[in-house]
């Protein structure tokens, strides 16, 4: 038998993310079935599951991998930051030229927005206001960008801040643009699993002259615990061509422009947050 080529760490991580999504979709799965499905040895699958369990992304029990509730995956920033990168890159590329030098931009903690950092760093006299520690760190080295980090109750699972301190600060800001994403969208309605983040989203919407919603196809057809309005609260929705036609039609029926972008990848995009 021909020896298999040793995979890079990035390829291993991509497979582990795929394993996590598979287990999440099925609730629980036998480990030997996972090994067959992903065409790896049982030993390799055990290593993958040990890694995922060590990051508290699933439970590994006797002969089975068991999913945590959806909230656990949504709050796993390390997982979210590394998933659906092709879709995130495409969505961010579609809005990069709409951000003007000298403007004030609100950015929430969604990792969908992280690929915008290089484009923002090239703009002159840009002021970014965010509750995301990760975004603030990424932008902090750009000499032409002023960053305001909205402090409050720090949530390590999201690597960002929420609470009254954040929403009060936003009420005193008037921004030119808000860039936001969504955890779940169903027929134009928006949902999030954590109410504190709903409050931050609503405060950002109220503080911006214009808001753009960047959301890839994996978010559609789903709900979460807390509803917080519809896509009609945004100036434009930017999604990708993998989003179901019915979902796009539902958004347009609400009167919001919807733009679709092509994701340049040889592989189908996987769910993200």
C-alpha atoms as a PDB file:
ATOM      1  CA  UNK A   1       0.000   0.000   0.000  1.00  0.00           C
ATOM      2  CA  UNK A   2       1.310   3.479  -0.905  1.00  0.00           C
ATOM      3  CA  UNK A   3       2.121   5.633   2.093  1.00  0.00           C
ATOM      4  CA  UNK A   4      -0.064   8.685   2.430  1.00  0.00           C
ATOM      5  CA  UNK A   5       1.503  12.130   2.139  1.00  0.00           C
ATOM      6  CA  UNK A   6       1.863  13.815   5.493  1.00  0.00           C
ATOM      7  CA  UNK A   7      -0.670  16.645   5.750  1.00  0.00           C
ATOM      8  CA  UNK A   8       0.208  20.182   6.764  1.00  0.00           C
ATOM      9  CA  UNK A   9      -1.079  21.470  10.090  1.00  0.00           C
ATOM     10  CA  UNK A  10      -3.541  23.672   8.202  1.00  0.00           C
ATOM     11  CA  UNK A  11      -4.940  20.650   6.351  1.00  0.00           C
ATOM     12  CA  UNK A  12      -5.220  18.701   9.601  1.00  0.00           C
ATOM     13  CA  UNK A  13      -7.088  21.605  11.201  1.00  0.00           C
ATOM     14  CA  UNK A  14      -9.412  21.817   8.205  1.00  0.00           C
ATOM     15  CA  UNK A  15     -10.240  18.112   8.569  1.00  0.00           C
ATOM     16  CA  UNK A  16     -10.856  18.527  12.290  1.00  0.00           C
ATOM     17  CA  UNK A  17     -13.253  21.380  11.623  1.00  0.00           C
ATOM     18  CA  UNK A  18     -15.069  19.144   9.135  1.00  0.00           C
ATOM     19  CA  UNK A  19     -15.240  16.383  11.759  1.00  0.00           C
ATOM     20  CA  UNK A  20     -16.662  18.843  14.278  1.00  0.00           C
ATOM     21  CA  UNK A  21     -19.342  20.007  11.853  1.00  0.00           C
ATOM     22  CA  UNK A  22     -20.260  16.416  11.008  1.00  0.00           C
ATOM     23  CA  UNK A  23     -20.662  15.489  14.674  1.00  0.00           C
ATOM     24  CA  UNK A  24     -22.633  18.685  15.353  1.00  0.00           C
ATOM     25  CA  UNK A  25     -25.021  17.880  12.501  1.00  0.00           C
ATOM     26  CA  UNK A  26     -25.580  14.300  13.681  1.00  0.00           C
ATOM     27  CA  UNK A  27     -25.609  14.882  17.439  1.00  0.00           C
ATOM     28  CA  UNK A  28     -23.395  11.883  18.099  1.00  0.00           C
ATOM     29  CA  UNK A  29     -21.436   9.516  15.876  1.00  0.00           C
ATOM     30  CA  UNK A  30     -19.497   6.290  16.352  1.00  0.00           C
ATOM     31  CA  UNK A  31     -15.763   6.885  16.110  1.00  0.00           C
ATOM     32  CA  UNK A  32     -15.208   4.018  13.674  1.00  0.00           C
ATOM     33  CA  UNK A  33     -17.926   5.460  11.423  1.00  0.00           C
ATOM     34  CA  UNK A  34     -16.144   8.824  11.495  1.00  0.00           C
ATOM     35  CA  UNK A  35     -12.866   7.194  10.517  1.00  0.00           C
ATOM     36  CA  UNK A  36     -14.530   5.527   7.533  1.00  0.00           C
ATOM     37  CA  UNK A  37     -16.379   8.682   6.513  1.00  0.00           C
ATOM     38  CA  UNK A  38     -13.207  10.799   6.499  1.00  0.00           C
ATOM     39  CA  UNK A  39     -11.041   7.976   5.127  1.00  0.00           C
ATOM     40  CA  UNK A  40      -8.482   8.050   7.928  1.00  0.00           C
ATOM     41  CA  UNK A  41      -7.193   5.435  10.321  1.00  0.00           C
ATOM     42  CA  UNK A  42      -8.921   4.860  13.640  1.00  0.00           C
ATOM     43  CA  UNK A  43      -5.793   6.127  15.398  1.00  0.00           C
ATOM     44  CA  UNK A  44      -5.873   9.376  13.392  1.00  0.00           C
ATOM     45  CA  UNK A  45      -9.548   9.884  14.180  1.00  0.00           C
ATOM     46  CA  UNK A  46      -8.861   9.372  17.879  1.00  0.00           C
ATOM     47  CA  UNK A  47      -6.160  12.048  17.686  1.00  0.00           C
ATOM     48  CA  UNK A  48      -8.548  14.427  15.942  1.00  0.00           C
ATOM     49  CA  UNK A  49     -11.249  13.858  18.539  1.00  0.00           C
ATOM     50  CA  UNK A  50      -8.780  14.190  21.417  1.00  0.00           C
ATOM     51  CA  UNK A  51      -7.769  17.581  20.032  1.00  0.00           C
ATOM     52  CA  UNK A  52     -11.392  18.746  19.606  1.00  0.00           C
ATOM     53  CA  UNK A  53     -12.370  17.476  23.040  1.00  0.00           C
ATOM     54  CA  UNK A  54      -9.340  19.247  24.532  1.00  0.00           C
ATOM     55  CA  UNK A  55     -10.670  22.506  23.066  1.00  0.00           C
ATOM     56  CA  UNK A  56     -14.092  21.755  24.588  1.00  0.00           C
ATOM     57  CA  UNK A  57     -15.724  21.616  21.143  1.00  0.00           C
ATOM     58  CA  UNK A  58     -17.219  18.135  21.593  1.00  0.00           C
ATOM     59  CA  UNK A  59     -17.225  15.232  24.056  1.00  0.00           C
ATOM     60  CA  UNK A  60     -15.369  12.016  23.394  1.00  0.00           C
ATOM     61  CA  UNK A  61     -17.021   9.068  25.068  1.00  0.00           C
ATOM     62  CA  UNK A  62     -16.506   5.322  24.834  1.00  0.00           C
ATOM     63  CA  UNK A  63     -16.580   4.630  21.111  1.00  0.00           C
ATOM     64  CA  UNK A  64     -18.536   7.814  20.306  1.00  0.00           C
ATOM     65  CA  UNK A  65     -18.104  11.514  19.633  1.00  0.00           C
ATOM     66  CA  UNK A  66     -20.924  13.629  21.082  1.00  0.00           C
ATOM     67  CA  UNK A  67     -21.771  17.207  20.101  1.00  0.00           C
ATOM     68  CA  UNK A  68     -22.207  20.048  22.518  1.00  0.00           C
ATOM     69  CA  UNK A  69     -25.150  22.421  21.992  1.00  0.00           C
ATOM     70  CA  UNK A  70     -24.857  24.813  19.057  1.00  0.00           C
ATOM     71  CA  UNK A  71     -24.010  27.644  21.442  1.00  0.00           C
ATOM     72  CA  UNK A  72     -20.682  25.991  22.262  1.00  0.00           C
ATOM     73  CA  UNK A  73     -19.588  26.043  18.641  1.00  0.00           C
ATOM     74  CA  UNK A  74     -20.799  29.611  18.184  1.00  0.00           C
ATOM     75  CA  UNK A  75     -18.723  30.767  21.138  1.00  0.00           C
ATOM     76  CA  UNK A  76     -15.566  28.940  20.067  1.00  0.00           C
ATOM     77  CA  UNK A  77     -13.686  31.886  18.575  1.00  0.00           C
ATOM     78  CA  UNK A  78     -10.667  29.806  17.629  1.00  0.00           C
ATOM     79  CA  UNK A  79     -12.906  27.516  15.598  1.00  0.00           C
ATOM     80  CA  UNK A  80     -14.887  30.353  14.030  1.00  0.00           C
ATOM     81  CA  UNK A  81     -11.808  32.334  13.033  1.00  0.00           C
ATOM     82  CA  UNK A  82     -10.414  29.436  11.004  1.00  0.00           C
ATOM     83  CA  UNK A  83     -13.617  28.375   9.262  1.00  0.00           C
ATOM     84  CA  UNK A  84     -15.114  29.420   5.907  1.00  0.00           C
ATOM     85  CA  UNK A  85     -12.139  31.627   5.112  1.00  0.00           C
ATOM     86  CA  UNK A  86     -12.825  31.659   1.366  1.00  0.00           C
ATOM     87  CA  UNK A  87     -16.360  32.961   1.919  1.00  0.00           C
ATOM     88  CA  UNK A  88     -15.214  35.532   4.460  1.00  0.00           C
ATOM     89  CA  UNK A  89     -12.503  36.766   2.090  1.00  0.00           C
ATOM     90  CA  UNK A  90     -15.026  37.117  -0.746  1.00  0.00           C
ATOM     91  CA  UNK A  91     -17.547  39.011   1.378  1.00  0.00           C
ATOM     92  CA  UNK A  92     -14.920  41.380   2.743  1.00  0.00           C
ATOM     93  CA  UNK A  93     -13.445  42.013  -0.692  1.00  0.00           C
ATOM     94  CA  UNK A  94     -16.905  43.056  -1.868  1.00  0.00           C
ATOM     95  CA  UNK A  95     -17.164  45.838   0.725  1.00  0.00           C
ATOM     96  CA  UNK A  96     -13.552  46.994   1.076  1.00  0.00           C
ATOM     97  CA  UNK A  97     -13.909  49.858  -1.418  1.00  0.00           C
ATOM     98  CA  UNK A  98     -17.006  51.203   0.371  1.00  0.00           C
ATOM     99  CA  UNK A  99     -14.992  52.233   3.423  1.00  0.00           C
ATOM    100  CA  UNK A 100     -13.773  55.803   3.021  1.00  0.00           C
ATOM    101  CA  UNK A 101     -10.621  57.403   4.439  1.00  0.00           C
ATOM    102  CA  UNK A 102     -11.416  59.668   7.367  1.00  0.00           C
ATOM    103  CA  UNK A 103     -14.623  57.828   8.283  1.00  0.00           C
ATOM    104  CA  UNK A 104     -15.710  56.295  11.565  1.00  0.00           C
ATOM    105  CA  UNK A 105     -16.580  52.616  11.258  1.00  0.00           C
ATOM    106  CA  UNK A 106     -18.279  50.360  13.801  1.00  0.00           C
ATOM    107  CA  UNK A 107     -17.213  46.713  13.671  1.00  0.00           C
ATOM    108  CA  UNK A 108     -18.664  43.987  15.856  1.00  0.00           C
ATOM    109  CA  UNK A 109     -16.850  40.890  17.067  1.00  0.00           C
ATOM    110  CA  UNK A 110     -17.753  38.613  14.139  1.00  0.00           C
ATOM    111  CA  UNK A 111     -14.751  36.811  12.646  1.00  0.00           C
ATOM    112  CA  UNK A 112     -16.409  37.298   9.252  1.00  0.00           C
ATOM    113  CA  UNK A 113     -14.933  40.817   9.361  1.00  0.00           C
ATOM    114  CA  UNK A 114     -11.346  39.817  10.149  1.00  0.00           C
ATOM    115  CA  UNK A 115     -10.215  39.579   6.473  1.00  0.00           C
ATOM    116  CA  UNK A 116     -10.969  43.309   6.134  1.00  0.00           C
ATOM    117  CA  UNK A 117      -7.998  44.219   8.324  1.00  0.00           C
ATOM    118  CA  UNK A 118      -5.375  44.570   5.518  1.00  0.00           C
ATOM    119  CA  UNK A 119      -7.668  46.845   3.482  1.00  0.00           C
ATOM    120  CA  UNK A 120      -8.500  48.985   6.524  1.00  0.00           C
ATOM    121  CA  UNK A 121      -4.826  49.312   7.450  1.00  0.00           C
ATOM    122  CA  UNK A 122      -4.155  51.041   4.118  1.00  0.00           C
ATOM    123  CA  UNK A 123      -6.731  53.787   4.667  1.00  0.00           C
ATOM    124  CA  UNK A 124      -5.802  57.229   5.983  1.00  0.00           C
ATOM    125  CA  UNK A 125      -7.307  58.657   9.172  1.00  0.00           C
ATOM    126  CA  UNK A 126      -9.740  55.810   9.673  1.00  0.00           C
ATOM    127  CA  UNK A 127     -11.396  55.493  13.087  1.00  0.00           C
ATOM    128  CA  UNK A 128     -12.577  51.984  13.971  1.00  0.00           C
ATOM    129  CA  UNK A 129     -14.793  51.426  17.001  1.00  0.00           C
ATOM    130  CA  UNK A 130     -15.186  47.803  18.046  1.00  0.00           C
ATOM    131  CA  UNK A 131     -16.049  45.517  20.938  1.00  0.00           C
ATOM    132  CA  UNK A 132     -13.721  42.851  19.516  1.00  0.00           C
ATOM    133  CA  UNK A 133     -10.374  42.442  21.257  1.00  0.00           C
ATOM    134  CA  UNK A 134      -9.142  40.402  18.295  1.00  0.00           C
ATOM    135  CA  UNK A 135      -9.970  43.087  15.750  1.00  0.00           C
ATOM    136  CA  UNK A 136      -8.427  45.784  17.940  1.00  0.00           C
ATOM    137  CA  UNK A 137      -5.233  43.743  18.195  1.00  0.00           C
ATOM    138  CA  UNK A 138      -5.091  43.130  14.443  1.00  0.00           C
ATOM    139  CA  UNK A 139      -5.620  46.819  13.638  1.00  0.00           C
ATOM    140  CA  UNK A 140      -3.492  48.203  16.442  1.00  0.00           C
ATOM    141  CA  UNK A 141      -0.274  48.111  14.406  1.00  0.00           C
ATOM    142  CA  UNK A 142      -1.709  50.158  11.510  1.00  0.00           C
ATOM    143  CA  UNK A 143      -0.310  53.691  11.953  1.00  0.00           C
ATOM    144  CA  UNK A 144      -3.118  55.401  10.041  1.00  0.00           C
ATOM    145  CA  UNK A 145      -5.969  53.702  11.919  1.00  0.00           C
ATOM    146  CA  UNK A 146      -7.299  54.946  15.240  1.00  0.00           C
ATOM    147  CA  UNK A 147      -8.921  52.144  17.230  1.00  0.00           C
ATOM    148  CA  UNK A 148     -11.409  52.543  20.066  1.00  0.00           C
ATOM    149  CA  UNK A 149     -11.976  49.319  21.988  1.00  0.00           C
ATOM    150  CA  UNK A 150     -15.339  49.308  23.731  1.00  0.00           C
ATOM    151  CA  UNK A 151     -14.624  47.894  27.167  1.00  0.00           C
ATOM    152  CA  UNK A 152     -17.186  46.199  29.349  1.00  0.00           C
ATOM    153  CA  UNK A 153     -17.830  42.637  30.434  1.00  0.00           C
ATOM    154  CA  UNK A 154     -15.103  40.595  28.762  1.00  0.00           C
ATOM    155  CA  UNK A 155     -16.292  37.323  27.214  1.00  0.00           C
ATOM    156  CA  UNK A 156     -13.317  35.037  26.707  1.00  0.00           C
ATOM    157  CA  UNK A 157     -15.352  32.636  24.563  1.00  0.00           C
ATOM    158  CA  UNK A 158     -15.968  35.417  22.006  1.00  0.00           C
ATOM    159  CA  UNK A 159     -12.793  37.398  22.835  1.00  0.00           C
ATOM    160  CA  UNK A 160     -14.919  40.536  23.019  1.00  0.00           C
ATOM    161  CA  UNK A 161     -16.904  42.753  25.365  1.00  0.00           C
ATOM    162  CA  UNK A 162     -20.605  43.233  26.064  1.00  0.00           C
ATOM    163  CA  UNK A 163     -22.830  44.855  28.641  1.00  0.00           C
ATOM    164  CA  UNK A 164     -24.162  48.312  29.571  1.00  0.00           C
ATOM    165  CA  UNK A 165     -20.728  49.931  29.334  1.00  0.00           C
ATOM    166  CA  UNK A 166     -20.499  48.964  25.668  1.00  0.00           C
ATOM    167  CA  UNK A 167     -24.032  50.010  24.753  1.00  0.00           C
ATOM    168  CA  UNK A 168     -23.733  53.343  26.637  1.00  0.00           C
ATOM    169  CA  UNK A 169     -20.509  54.153  24.801  1.00  0.00           C
ATOM    170  CA  UNK A 170     -22.164  53.372  21.471  1.00  0.00           C
ATOM    171  CA  UNK A 171     -25.067  55.694  22.288  1.00  0.00           C
ATOM    172  CA  UNK A 172     -22.568  58.599  22.366  1.00  0.00           C
ATOM    173  CA  UNK A 173     -20.991  57.748  18.996  1.00  0.00           C
ATOM    174  CA  UNK A 174     -22.185  58.692  15.533  1.00  0.00           C
ATOM    175  CA  UNK A 175     -20.499  56.514  12.938  1.00  0.00           C
ATOM    176  CA  UNK A 176     -20.527  56.659   9.163  1.00  0.00           C
ATOM    177  CA  UNK A 177     -20.767  52.910   8.708  1.00  0.00           C
ATOM    178  CA  UNK A 178     -21.425  49.729  10.702  1.00  0.00           C
ATOM    179  CA  UNK A 179     -20.075  46.404   9.433  1.00  0.00           C
ATOM    180  CA  UNK A 180     -21.839  43.412  10.937  1.00  0.00           C
ATOM    181  CA  UNK A 181     -22.642  39.745  10.448  1.00  0.00           C
ATOM    182  CA  UNK A 182     -25.234  37.308  11.833  1.00  0.00           C
ATOM    183  CA  UNK A 183     -25.209  33.902  13.463  1.00  0.00           C
ATOM    184  CA  UNK A 184     -28.481  32.736  11.906  1.00  0.00           C
ATOM    185  CA  UNK A 185     -30.911  34.054   9.305  1.00  0.00           C
ATOM    186  CA  UNK A 186     -34.313  32.618   8.455  1.00  0.00           C
ATOM    187  CA  UNK A 187     -36.505  34.288   5.816  1.00  0.00           C
ATOM    188  CA  UNK A 188     -34.887  37.626   6.552  1.00  0.00           C
ATOM    189  CA  UNK A 189     -35.176  37.388  10.343  1.00  0.00           C
ATOM    190  CA  UNK A 190     -31.969  37.558  12.407  1.00  0.00           C
ATOM    191  CA  UNK A 191     -31.012  35.467  15.438  1.00  0.00           C
ATOM    192  CA  UNK A 192     -28.176  35.132  17.944  1.00  0.00           C
ATOM    193  CA  UNK A 193     -27.651  32.635  20.797  1.00  0.00           C
ATOM    194  CA  UNK A 194     -26.540  35.242  23.383  1.00  0.00           C
ATOM    195  CA  UNK A 195     -28.762  38.190  24.307  1.00  0.00           C
ATOM    196  CA  UNK A 196     -25.860  40.420  25.398  1.00  0.00           C
ATOM    197  CA  UNK A 197     -24.615  40.408  21.815  1.00  0.00           C
ATOM    198  CA  UNK A 198     -28.068  41.214  20.517  1.00  0.00           C
ATOM    199  CA  UNK A 199     -27.934  44.405  22.600  1.00  0.00           C
ATOM    200  CA  UNK A 200     -24.561  45.338  21.112  1.00  0.00           C
ATOM    201  CA  UNK A 201     -25.828  44.757  17.565  1.00  0.00           C
ATOM    202  CA  UNK A 202     -28.883  46.937  18.140  1.00  0.00           C
ATOM    203  CA  UNK A 203     -26.761  49.698  19.673  1.00  0.00           C
ATOM    204  CA  UNK A 204     -24.401  49.648  16.684  1.00  0.00           C
ATOM    205  CA  UNK A 205     -27.318  49.863  14.264  1.00  0.00           C
ATOM    206  CA  UNK A 206     -28.686  52.871  16.135  1.00  0.00           C
ATOM    207  CA  UNK A 207     -25.323  54.635  16.082  1.00  0.00           C
ATOM    208  CA  UNK A 208     -24.470  54.308  12.381  1.00  0.00           C
ATOM    209  CA  UNK A 209     -25.624  56.288   9.359  1.00  0.00           C
ATOM    210  CA  UNK A 210     -25.452  53.123   7.280  1.00  0.00           C
ATOM    211  CA  UNK A 211     -25.016  49.424   8.065  1.00  0.00           C
ATOM    212  CA  UNK A 212     -23.900  46.536   5.877  1.00  0.00           C
ATOM    213  CA  UNK A 213     -24.626  42.901   6.744  1.00  0.00           C
ATOM    214  CA  UNK A 214     -22.029  40.361   5.594  1.00  0.00           C
ATOM    215  CA  UNK A 215     -23.326  36.815   5.915  1.00  0.00           C
ATOM    216  CA  UNK A 216     -22.313  33.633   4.108  1.00  0.00           C
ATOM    217  CA  UNK A 217     -24.692  30.924   2.906  1.00  0.00           C
ATOM    218  CA  UNK A 218     -24.085  28.614   5.878  1.00  0.00           C
ATOM    219  CA  UNK A 219     -25.966  30.981   8.195  1.00  0.00           C
ATOM    220  CA  UNK A 220     -29.272  30.754   6.340  1.00  0.00           C
ATOM    221  CA  UNK A 221     -32.243  28.563   7.160  1.00  0.00           C
ATOM    222  CA  UNK A 222     -31.319  28.544  10.859  1.00  0.00           C
ATOM    223  CA  UNK A 223     -32.444  30.161  14.085  1.00  0.00           C
ATOM    224  CA  UNK A 224     -30.961  30.770  17.528  1.00  0.00           C
ATOM    225  CA  UNK A 225     -32.419  31.685  20.903  1.00  0.00           C
ATOM    226  CA  UNK A 226     -32.821  35.447  20.488  1.00  0.00           C
ATOM    227  CA  UNK A 227     -34.421  37.263  17.553  1.00  0.00           C
ATOM    228  CA  UNK A 228     -33.416  40.858  16.929  1.00  0.00           C
ATOM    229  CA  UNK A 229     -35.132  42.245  13.856  1.00  0.00           C
ATOM    230  CA  UNK A 230     -34.700  41.655  10.152  1.00  0.00           C
ATOM    231  CA  UNK A 231     -32.284  42.356   7.337  1.00  0.00           C
ATOM    232  CA  UNK A 232     -34.421  45.428   6.518  1.00  0.00           C
ATOM    233  CA  UNK A 233     -32.494  47.210   9.304  1.00  0.00           C
ATOM    234  CA  UNK A 234     -29.443  47.208   7.012  1.00  0.00           C
ATOM    235  CA  UNK A 235     -28.656  49.260   3.934  1.00  0.00           C
ATOM    236  CA  UNK A 236     -27.416  46.214   1.987  1.00  0.00           C
ATOM    237  CA  UNK A 237     -26.898  42.488   2.540  1.00  0.00           C
ATOM    238  CA  UNK A 238     -23.797  40.911   1.026  1.00  0.00           C
ATOM    239  CA  UNK A 239     -23.859  37.125   0.772  1.00  0.00           C
ATOM    240  CA  UNK A 240     -22.478  34.466  -1.557  1.00  0.00           C
ATOM    241  CA  UNK A 241     -23.990  32.541  -4.442  1.00  0.00           C
ATOM    242  CA  UNK A 242     -24.429  29.453  -2.270  1.00  0.00           C
ATOM    243  CA  UNK A 243     -27.294  31.090  -0.373  1.00  0.00           C
ATOM    244  CA  UNK A 244     -30.656  29.459  -1.242  1.00  0.00           C
ATOM    245  CA  UNK A 245     -32.774  31.374  -3.742  1.00  0.00           C
ATOM    246  CA  UNK A 246     -35.749  31.292  -1.369  1.00  0.00           C
ATOM    247  CA  UNK A 247     -33.739  33.022   1.352  1.00  0.00           C
ATOM    248  CA  UNK A 248     -32.527  35.701  -1.058  1.00  0.00           C
ATOM    249  CA  UNK A 249     -36.099  36.236  -2.296  1.00  0.00           C
ATOM    250  CA  UNK A 250     -37.359  36.579   1.303  1.00  0.00           C
ATOM    251  CA  UNK A 251     -34.771  39.260   2.022  1.00  0.00           C
ATOM    252  CA  UNK A 252     -35.567  41.193  -1.128  1.00  0.00           C
ATOM    253  CA  UNK A 253     -39.253  40.999  -0.272  1.00  0.00           C
ATOM    254  CA  UNK A 254     -38.374  42.993   2.851  1.00  0.00           C
ATOM    255  CA  UNK A 255     -37.085  45.770   0.619  1.00  0.00           C
ATOM    256  CA  UNK A 256     -33.355  45.397   1.223  1.00  0.00           C
ATOM    257  CA  UNK A 257     -30.833  45.161  -1.646  1.00  0.00           C
ATOM    258  CA  UNK A 258     -29.038  41.814  -1.685  1.00  0.00           C
ATOM    259  CA  UNK A 259     -25.694  41.393  -3.428  1.00  0.00           C
ATOM    260  CA  UNK A 260     -24.147  37.988  -4.068  1.00  0.00           C
ATOM    261  CA  UNK A 261     -20.471  37.231  -4.571  1.00  0.00           C
ATOM    262  CA  UNK A 262     -18.752  34.175  -5.981  1.00  0.00           C
ATOM    263  CA  UNK A 263     -16.495  32.263  -3.589  1.00  0.00           C
ATOM    264  CA  UNK A 264     -13.287  31.309  -5.360  1.00  0.00           C
ATOM    265  CA  UNK A 265     -12.527  27.861  -4.012  1.00  0.00           C
ATOM    266  CA  UNK A 266     -12.204  24.369  -5.344  1.00  0.00           C
ATOM    267  CA  UNK A 267     -13.989  22.957  -2.299  1.00  0.00           C
ATOM    268  CA  UNK A 268     -17.559  23.594  -1.071  1.00  0.00           C
ATOM    269  CA  UNK A 269     -17.677  26.142   1.719  1.00  0.00           C
ATOM    270  CA  UNK A 270     -18.306  24.915   5.233  1.00  0.00           C
ATOM    271  CA  UNK A 271     -20.481  26.613   7.889  1.00  0.00           C
ATOM    272  CA  UNK A 272     -19.018  29.558   9.781  1.00  0.00           C
ATOM    273  CA  UNK A 273     -20.042  32.114  12.439  1.00  0.00           C
END
